[in-house]
Amino acid sequence: MKQFHSLPDPQEAGFSWPAFAEALERIRNVESRRLEAERTVQELQDRIRDENQQDIKRLADAIAAGDPDPAPPGLEDLASDLSEQKRLGRALEEAEPRAEGDLVRAVQGHREEWVAEVDAALEKAIAAERRRCNRS
């Protein structure tokens, strides 16, 4: 998506290009989901690290108190969640260039139509500016 961040919003310029808007929205959705998955992975890794540290302390306390086999910390669920988030993150990394490709194809498919709209709007703006300058 990086190459599309600087694109102006056609709607702000008065153009209605649904194919562009839909493709750009898909890119933003994939990117947003990827960033959320990355945050979740980091949070799960932090929780697992903290739980491991707490488990060592509990185990040490249990051994010191004479309990040879304290209950395990239940890290399996966190590890499973982490694995799933990493899987999702990899899938989103693959989906991102596909969504970007959809935007490129939308632009290429509508290029002539959209260029004509932009050219007409530009000509209209230039004519209006010339009229304004001639009045001054």
N, C-alpha and C. Protein backbone atom coordinates (compact mmCIF):
# COMPACT_ATOMS: atom_id res chain seq x y z
N MET A 1 0.83 -1.20 0.00
CA MET A 1 0.00 0.00 0.00
C MET A 1 0.86 1.24 0.00
N LYS A 2 2.09 1.14 0.37
CA LYS A 2 2.94 2.31 0.55
C LYS A 2 2.90 3.26 -0.64
N GLN A 3 2.89 2.71 -1.84
CA GLN A 3 2.93 3.56 -3.01
C GLN A 3 1.61 4.30 -3.25
N PHE A 4 0.55 3.92 -2.57
CA PHE A 4 -0.75 4.55 -2.79
C PHE A 4 -1.12 5.57 -1.72
N HIS A 5 -0.30 5.67 -0.66
CA HIS A 5 -0.62 6.59 0.43
C HIS A 5 -0.73 8.04 -0.03
N SER A 6 0.02 8.44 -1.03
CA SER A 6 0.04 9.84 -1.42
C SER A 6 -0.98 10.18 -2.50
N LEU A 7 -1.76 9.21 -2.92
CA LEU A 7 -2.77 9.50 -3.94
C LEU A 7 -3.84 10.42 -3.37
N PRO A 8 -4.24 11.43 -4.14
CA PRO A 8 -5.34 12.28 -3.67
C PRO A 8 -6.65 11.51 -3.73
N ASP A 9 -7.58 11.89 -2.92
CA ASP A 9 -8.89 11.26 -2.92
C ASP A 9 -9.70 11.88 -4.06
N PRO A 10 -10.08 11.08 -5.05
CA PRO A 10 -10.83 11.63 -6.18
C PRO A 10 -12.13 12.33 -5.75
N GLN A 11 -12.76 11.86 -4.69
CA GLN A 11 -14.00 12.47 -4.23
C GLN A 11 -13.77 13.90 -3.75
N GLU A 12 -12.59 14.15 -3.15
CA GLU A 12 -12.28 15.50 -2.69
C GLU A 12 -12.17 16.46 -3.87
N ALA A 13 -11.83 15.94 -5.03
CA ALA A 13 -11.72 16.76 -6.23
C ALA A 13 -13.03 16.78 -7.02
N GLY A 14 -14.05 16.14 -6.48
CA GLY A 14 -15.35 16.15 -7.13
C GLY A 14 -15.59 15.01 -8.11
N PHE A 15 -14.73 14.01 -8.11
CA PHE A 15 -14.90 12.89 -9.02
C PHE A 15 -15.51 11.71 -8.28
N SER A 16 -16.39 11.00 -8.95
CA SER A 16 -17.00 9.81 -8.37
C SER A 16 -16.51 8.60 -9.16
N TRP A 17 -15.57 7.89 -8.58
CA TRP A 17 -14.98 6.72 -9.22
C TRP A 17 -15.13 5.52 -8.29
N PRO A 18 -16.30 4.88 -8.32
CA PRO A 18 -16.55 3.76 -7.40
C PRO A 18 -15.51 2.64 -7.49
N ALA A 19 -15.05 2.32 -8.69
CA ALA A 19 -14.06 1.23 -8.82
C ALA A 19 -12.77 1.59 -8.07
N PHE A 20 -12.36 2.84 -8.15
CA PHE A 20 -11.17 3.31 -7.45
C PHE A 20 -11.40 3.25 -5.94
N ALA A 21 -12.53 3.79 -5.51
CA ALA A 21 -12.83 3.84 -4.08
C ALA A 21 -12.91 2.44 -3.48
N GLU A 22 -13.55 1.52 -4.19
CA GLU A 22 -13.68 0.15 -3.68
C GLU A 22 -12.31 -0.53 -3.58
N ALA A 23 -11.50 -0.38 -4.61
CA ALA A 23 -10.17 -1.01 -4.60
C ALA A 23 -9.29 -0.40 -3.51
N LEU A 24 -9.34 0.92 -3.35
CA LEU A 24 -8.56 1.57 -2.31
C LEU A 24 -9.04 1.14 -0.92
N GLU A 25 -10.34 0.99 -0.76
CA GLU A 25 -10.89 0.54 0.52
C GLU A 25 -10.42 -0.88 0.84
N ARG A 26 -10.33 -1.75 -0.18
CA ARG A 26 -9.83 -3.10 0.06
C ARG A 26 -8.38 -3.06 0.54
N ILE A 27 -7.58 -2.20 -0.06
CA ILE A 27 -6.18 -2.06 0.37
C ILE A 27 -6.15 -1.60 1.83
N ARG A 28 -6.92 -0.59 2.15
CA ARG A 28 -6.93 -0.07 3.52
C ARG A 28 -7.41 -1.13 4.51
N ASN A 29 -8.39 -1.92 4.10
CA ASN A 29 -8.90 -2.98 4.97
C ASN A 29 -7.83 -4.03 5.23
N VAL A 30 -7.15 -4.47 4.18
CA VAL A 30 -6.10 -5.47 4.34
C VAL A 30 -4.98 -4.92 5.22
N GLU A 31 -4.57 -3.69 4.94
CA GLU A 31 -3.50 -3.09 5.73
C GLU A 31 -3.90 -2.95 7.19
N SER A 32 -5.12 -2.53 7.44
CA SER A 32 -5.61 -2.38 8.81
C SER A 32 -5.62 -3.72 9.53
N ARG A 33 -6.11 -4.74 8.86
CA ARG A 33 -6.16 -6.07 9.46
C ARG A 33 -4.75 -6.61 9.71
N ARG A 34 -3.82 -6.33 8.78
CA ARG A 34 -2.43 -6.78 8.95
C ARG A 34 -1.81 -6.10 10.17
N LEU A 35 -2.02 -4.80 10.29
CA LEU A 35 -1.47 -4.08 11.45
C LEU A 35 -2.07 -4.59 12.76
N GLU A 36 -3.35 -4.88 12.75
CA GLU A 36 -4.01 -5.42 13.95
C GLU A 36 -3.45 -6.80 14.28
N ALA A 37 -3.24 -7.63 13.28
CA ALA A 37 -2.65 -8.96 13.52
C ALA A 37 -1.24 -8.82 14.09
N GLU A 38 -0.46 -7.87 13.58
CA GLU A 38 0.90 -7.65 14.09
C GLU A 38 0.85 -7.22 15.56
N ARG A 39 -0.09 -6.31 15.89
CA ARG A 39 -0.24 -5.88 17.29
C ARG A 39 -0.62 -7.06 18.19
N THR A 40 -1.54 -7.88 17.70
CA THR A 40 -2.00 -9.03 18.48
C THR A 40 -0.87 -10.02 18.69
N VAL A 41 -0.06 -10.26 17.66
CA VAL A 41 1.09 -11.15 17.80
C VAL A 41 2.01 -10.63 18.88
N GLN A 42 2.30 -9.33 18.86
CA GLN A 42 3.19 -8.76 19.86
C GLN A 42 2.60 -8.90 21.26
N GLU A 43 1.30 -8.64 21.39
CA GLU A 43 0.65 -8.77 22.70
C GLU A 43 0.71 -10.21 23.19
N LEU A 44 0.45 -11.16 22.31
CA LEU A 44 0.49 -12.57 22.71
C LEU A 44 1.91 -12.99 23.09
N GLN A 45 2.89 -12.54 22.33
CA GLN A 45 4.28 -12.85 22.67
C GLN A 45 4.64 -12.28 24.05
N ASP A 46 4.19 -11.07 24.31
CA ASP A 46 4.44 -10.47 25.62
C ASP A 46 3.76 -11.26 26.74
N ARG A 47 2.50 -11.66 26.49
CA ARG A 47 1.77 -12.43 27.50
C ARG A 47 2.43 -13.77 27.75
N ILE A 48 2.88 -14.43 26.68
CA ILE A 48 3.55 -15.72 26.83
C ILE A 48 4.85 -15.56 27.62
N ARG A 49 5.62 -14.53 27.29
CA ARG A 49 6.87 -14.27 28.01
C ARG A 49 6.58 -14.02 29.49
N ASP A 50 5.57 -13.18 29.77
CA ASP A 50 5.21 -12.88 31.16
C ASP A 50 4.74 -14.14 31.88
N GLU A 51 3.92 -14.92 31.20
CA GLU A 51 3.40 -16.15 31.80
C GLU A 51 4.53 -17.14 32.08
N ASN A 52 5.48 -17.22 31.16
CA ASN A 52 6.64 -18.09 31.38
C ASN A 52 7.42 -17.66 32.61
N GLN A 53 7.60 -16.35 32.76
CA GLN A 53 8.33 -15.83 33.93
C GLN A 53 7.56 -16.14 35.21
N GLN A 54 6.25 -15.93 35.17
CA GLN A 54 5.43 -16.23 36.34
C GLN A 54 5.43 -17.72 36.64
N ASP A 55 5.44 -18.55 35.59
CA ASP A 55 5.44 -19.99 35.77
C ASP A 55 6.73 -20.44 36.46
N ILE A 56 7.86 -19.86 36.05
CA ILE A 56 9.13 -20.22 36.69
C ILE A 56 9.06 -19.87 38.18
N LYS A 57 8.51 -18.69 38.48
CA LYS A 57 8.40 -18.28 39.89
C LYS A 57 7.47 -19.22 40.64
N ARG A 58 6.32 -19.58 40.06
CA ARG A 58 5.39 -20.50 40.72
C ARG A 58 6.04 -21.87 40.93
N LEU A 59 6.77 -22.32 39.90
CA LEU A 59 7.43 -23.61 40.02
C LEU A 59 8.49 -23.58 41.12
N ALA A 60 9.27 -22.51 41.15
CA ALA A 60 10.29 -22.38 42.20
C ALA A 60 9.64 -22.35 43.58
N ASP A 61 8.54 -21.58 43.70
CA ASP A 61 7.83 -21.51 44.98
C ASP A 61 7.28 -22.88 45.37
N ALA A 62 6.72 -23.60 44.39
CA ALA A 62 6.16 -24.92 44.67
C ALA A 62 7.24 -25.90 45.09
N ILE A 63 8.36 -25.88 44.37
CA ILE A 63 9.46 -26.79 44.72
C ILE A 63 9.98 -26.46 46.11
N ALA A 64 10.14 -25.17 46.39
CA ALA A 64 10.63 -24.76 47.72
C ALA A 64 9.65 -25.17 48.81
N ALA A 65 8.36 -25.21 48.49
CA ALA A 65 7.35 -25.58 49.48
C ALA A 65 7.15 -27.09 49.55
N GLY A 66 7.84 -27.83 48.69
CA GLY A 66 7.74 -29.30 48.74
C GLY A 66 6.74 -29.88 47.76
N ASP A 67 6.14 -29.09 46.89
CA ASP A 67 5.19 -29.60 45.89
C ASP A 67 5.99 -29.93 44.62
N PRO A 68 6.19 -31.19 44.33
CA PRO A 68 7.06 -31.54 43.20
C PRO A 68 6.40 -31.33 41.84
N ASP A 69 5.08 -31.18 41.77
CA ASP A 69 4.43 -31.11 40.46
C ASP A 69 3.28 -30.10 40.46
N PRO A 70 3.60 -28.80 40.42
CA PRO A 70 2.51 -27.81 40.40
C PRO A 70 1.80 -27.83 39.04
N ALA A 71 0.61 -27.28 39.02
CA ALA A 71 -0.18 -27.25 37.78
C ALA A 71 0.55 -26.44 36.70
N PRO A 72 0.52 -26.92 35.46
CA PRO A 72 1.14 -26.17 34.37
C PRO A 72 0.38 -24.86 34.12
N PRO A 73 1.04 -23.87 33.52
CA PRO A 73 0.43 -22.55 33.38
C PRO A 73 -0.65 -22.43 32.32
N GLY A 74 -0.84 -23.41 31.48
CA GLY A 74 -1.87 -23.32 30.45
C GLY A 74 -1.47 -22.44 29.28
N LEU A 75 -0.24 -22.54 28.88
CA LEU A 75 0.26 -21.73 27.77
C LEU A 75 -0.19 -22.24 26.41
N GLU A 76 -0.78 -23.41 26.38
CA GLU A 76 -1.16 -23.99 25.09
C GLU A 76 -2.15 -23.10 24.34
N ASP A 77 -3.11 -22.54 25.06
CA ASP A 77 -4.10 -21.67 24.41
C ASP A 77 -3.44 -20.42 23.84
N LEU A 78 -2.53 -19.82 24.61
CA LEU A 78 -1.84 -18.63 24.12
C LEU A 78 -0.97 -18.97 22.91
N ALA A 79 -0.29 -20.10 22.98
CA ALA A 79 0.56 -20.52 21.86
C ALA A 79 -0.28 -20.79 20.62
N SER A 80 -1.44 -21.38 20.81
CA SER A 80 -2.35 -21.65 19.69
C SER A 80 -2.84 -20.33 19.08
N ASP A 81 -3.23 -19.39 19.95
CA ASP A 81 -3.66 -18.08 19.47
C ASP A 81 -2.53 -17.37 18.72
N LEU A 82 -1.33 -17.47 19.24
CA LEU A 82 -0.18 -16.84 18.59
C LEU A 82 0.06 -17.46 17.22
N SER A 83 -0.01 -18.75 17.15
CA SER A 83 0.18 -19.43 15.87
C SER A 83 -0.87 -18.99 14.86
N GLU A 84 -2.10 -18.88 15.29
CA GLU A 84 -3.19 -18.46 14.39
C GLU A 84 -3.00 -17.01 13.94
N GLN A 85 -2.56 -16.14 14.83
CA GLN A 85 -2.33 -14.75 14.46
C GLN A 85 -1.17 -14.62 13.48
N LYS A 86 -0.14 -15.43 13.68
CA LYS A 86 0.98 -15.41 12.73
C LYS A 86 0.53 -15.90 11.37
N ARG A 87 -0.31 -16.92 11.36
CA ARG A 87 -0.86 -17.45 10.10
C ARG A 87 -1.68 -16.36 9.40
N LEU A 88 -2.53 -15.69 10.16
CA LEU A 88 -3.33 -14.61 9.61
C LEU A 88 -2.44 -13.50 9.07
N GLY A 89 -1.40 -13.15 9.81
CA GLY A 89 -0.48 -12.11 9.37
C GLY A 89 0.19 -12.46 8.05
N ARG A 90 0.61 -13.72 7.91
CA ARG A 90 1.23 -14.15 6.64
C ARG A 90 0.23 -14.08 5.50
N ALA A 91 -1.01 -14.48 5.76
CA ALA A 91 -2.04 -14.42 4.72
C ALA A 91 -2.32 -12.97 4.31
N LEU A 92 -2.35 -12.07 5.29
CA LEU A 92 -2.60 -10.67 4.99
C LEU A 92 -1.43 -10.05 4.24
N GLU A 93 -0.21 -10.48 4.54
CA GLU A 93 0.95 -10.01 3.79
C GLU A 93 0.84 -10.42 2.31
N GLU A 94 0.28 -11.59 2.07
CA GLU A 94 0.07 -12.03 0.69
C GLU A 94 -1.11 -11.30 0.05
N ALA A 95 -2.11 -10.98 0.84
CA ALA A 95 -3.31 -10.33 0.31
C ALA A 95 -3.04 -8.87 -0.07
N GLU A 96 -2.11 -8.24 0.63
CA GLU A 96 -1.85 -6.81 0.39
C GLU A 96 -1.43 -6.52 -1.05
N PRO A 97 -0.44 -7.22 -1.61
CA PRO A 97 -0.09 -6.92 -3.00
C PRO A 97 -1.22 -7.27 -3.98
N ARG A 98 -2.02 -8.25 -3.62
CA ARG A 98 -3.17 -8.58 -4.49
C ARG A 98 -4.16 -7.42 -4.51
N ALA A 99 -4.43 -6.84 -3.35
CA ALA A 99 -5.34 -5.70 -3.28
C ALA A 99 -4.75 -4.50 -4.02
N GLU A 100 -3.45 -4.31 -3.88
CA GLU A 100 -2.79 -3.22 -4.62
C GLU A 100 -2.91 -3.46 -6.12
N GLY A 101 -2.77 -4.71 -6.55
CA GLY A 101 -2.93 -5.04 -7.96
C GLY A 101 -4.34 -4.75 -8.45
N ASP A 102 -5.33 -4.99 -7.59
CA ASP A 102 -6.72 -4.67 -7.96
C ASP A 102 -6.88 -3.17 -8.23
N LEU A 103 -6.22 -2.35 -7.41
CA LEU A 103 -6.31 -0.90 -7.61
C LEU A 103 -5.63 -0.51 -8.92
N VAL A 104 -4.48 -1.08 -9.17
CA VAL A 104 -3.77 -0.78 -10.42
C VAL A 104 -4.63 -1.18 -11.62
N ARG A 105 -5.23 -2.36 -11.55
CA ARG A 105 -6.10 -2.80 -12.66
C ARG A 105 -7.32 -1.90 -12.81
N ALA A 106 -7.88 -1.43 -11.70
CA ALA A 106 -9.03 -0.52 -11.78
C ALA A 106 -8.63 0.77 -12.46
N VAL A 107 -7.47 1.30 -12.09
CA VAL A 107 -6.99 2.54 -12.71
C VAL A 107 -6.73 2.31 -14.20
N GLN A 108 -6.06 1.21 -14.52
CA GLN A 108 -5.77 0.93 -15.92
C GLN A 108 -7.04 0.73 -16.73
N GLY A 109 -8.01 0.06 -16.13
CA GLY A 109 -9.27 -0.21 -16.82
C GLY A 109 -10.12 1.03 -17.05
N HIS A 110 -9.95 2.05 -16.23
CA HIS A 110 -10.76 3.27 -16.34
C HIS A 110 -9.92 4.47 -16.75
N ARG A 111 -8.68 4.25 -17.10
CA ARG A 111 -7.73 5.33 -17.36
C ARG A 111 -8.28 6.37 -18.35
N GLU A 112 -8.73 5.92 -19.51
CA GLU A 112 -9.20 6.87 -20.52
C GLU A 112 -10.39 7.68 -20.01
N GLU A 113 -11.33 6.99 -19.40
CA GLU A 113 -12.52 7.66 -18.87
C GLU A 113 -12.15 8.69 -17.80
N TRP A 114 -11.29 8.29 -16.86
CA TRP A 114 -10.93 9.16 -15.76
C TRP A 114 -10.02 10.31 -16.21
N VAL A 115 -9.13 10.04 -17.14
CA VAL A 115 -8.28 11.11 -17.66
C VAL A 115 -9.15 12.15 -18.36
N ALA A 116 -10.13 11.70 -19.12
CA ALA A 116 -11.03 12.63 -19.80
C ALA A 116 -11.77 13.49 -18.78
N GLU A 117 -12.23 12.90 -17.68
CA GLU A 117 -12.93 13.66 -16.64
C GLU A 117 -11.99 14.70 -16.01
N VAL A 118 -10.77 14.28 -15.71
CA VAL A 118 -9.81 15.18 -15.09
C VAL A 118 -9.45 16.30 -16.06
N ASP A 119 -9.21 15.96 -17.33
CA ASP A 119 -8.89 16.98 -18.33
C ASP A 119 -10.01 18.00 -18.46
N ALA A 120 -11.25 17.53 -18.50
CA ALA A 120 -12.39 18.44 -18.61
C ALA A 120 -12.47 19.35 -17.40
N ALA A 121 -12.27 18.79 -16.22
CA ALA A 121 -12.32 19.60 -15.00
C ALA A 121 -11.19 20.62 -14.99
N LEU A 122 -10.02 20.21 -15.44
CA LEU A 122 -8.88 21.11 -15.49
C LEU A 122 -9.12 22.25 -16.47
N GLU A 123 -9.63 21.92 -17.64
CA GLU A 123 -9.95 22.96 -18.63
C GLU A 123 -10.97 23.94 -18.07
N LYS A 124 -11.97 23.43 -17.40
CA LYS A 124 -13.00 24.28 -16.80
C LYS A 124 -12.38 25.20 -15.73
N ALA A 125 -11.50 24.66 -14.90
CA ALA A 125 -10.86 25.45 -13.86
C ALA A 125 -9.95 26.52 -14.45
N ILE A 126 -9.22 26.16 -15.50
CA ILE A 126 -8.33 27.13 -16.15
C ILE A 126 -9.14 28.25 -16.78
N ALA A 127 -10.24 27.90 -17.43
CA ALA A 127 -11.10 28.91 -18.05
C ALA A 127 -11.67 29.84 -16.98
N ALA A 128 -12.10 29.29 -15.87
CA ALA A 128 -12.64 30.11 -14.79
C ALA A 128 -11.57 31.03 -14.22
N GLU A 129 -10.36 30.54 -14.08
CA GLU A 129 -9.27 31.36 -13.56
C GLU A 129 -8.92 32.48 -14.54
N ARG A 130 -8.95 32.18 -15.83
CA ARG A 130 -8.67 33.22 -16.83
C ARG A 130 -9.74 34.31 -16.80
N ARG A 131 -11.00 33.89 -16.67
CA ARG A 131 -12.09 34.87 -16.58
C ARG A 131 -11.91 35.74 -15.33
N ARG A 132 -11.54 35.13 -14.23
CA ARG A 132 -11.32 35.86 -13.00
C ARG A 132 -10.17 36.85 -13.16
N CYS A 133 -9.10 36.43 -13.79
CA CYS A 133 -7.94 37.32 -13.99
C CYS A 133 -8.26 38.45 -14.95
N ASN A 134 -9.07 38.21 -15.95
CA ASN A 134 -9.45 39.24 -16.92
C ASN A 134 -10.34 40.31 -16.29
N ARG A 135 -11.08 39.94 -15.27
CA ARG A 135 -11.95 40.89 -14.59
C ARG A 135 -11.14 41.81 -13.67
N SER A 136 -10.00 41.33 -13.26
CA SER A 136 -9.20 42.11 -12.30
C SER A 136 -8.46 43.24 -12.92
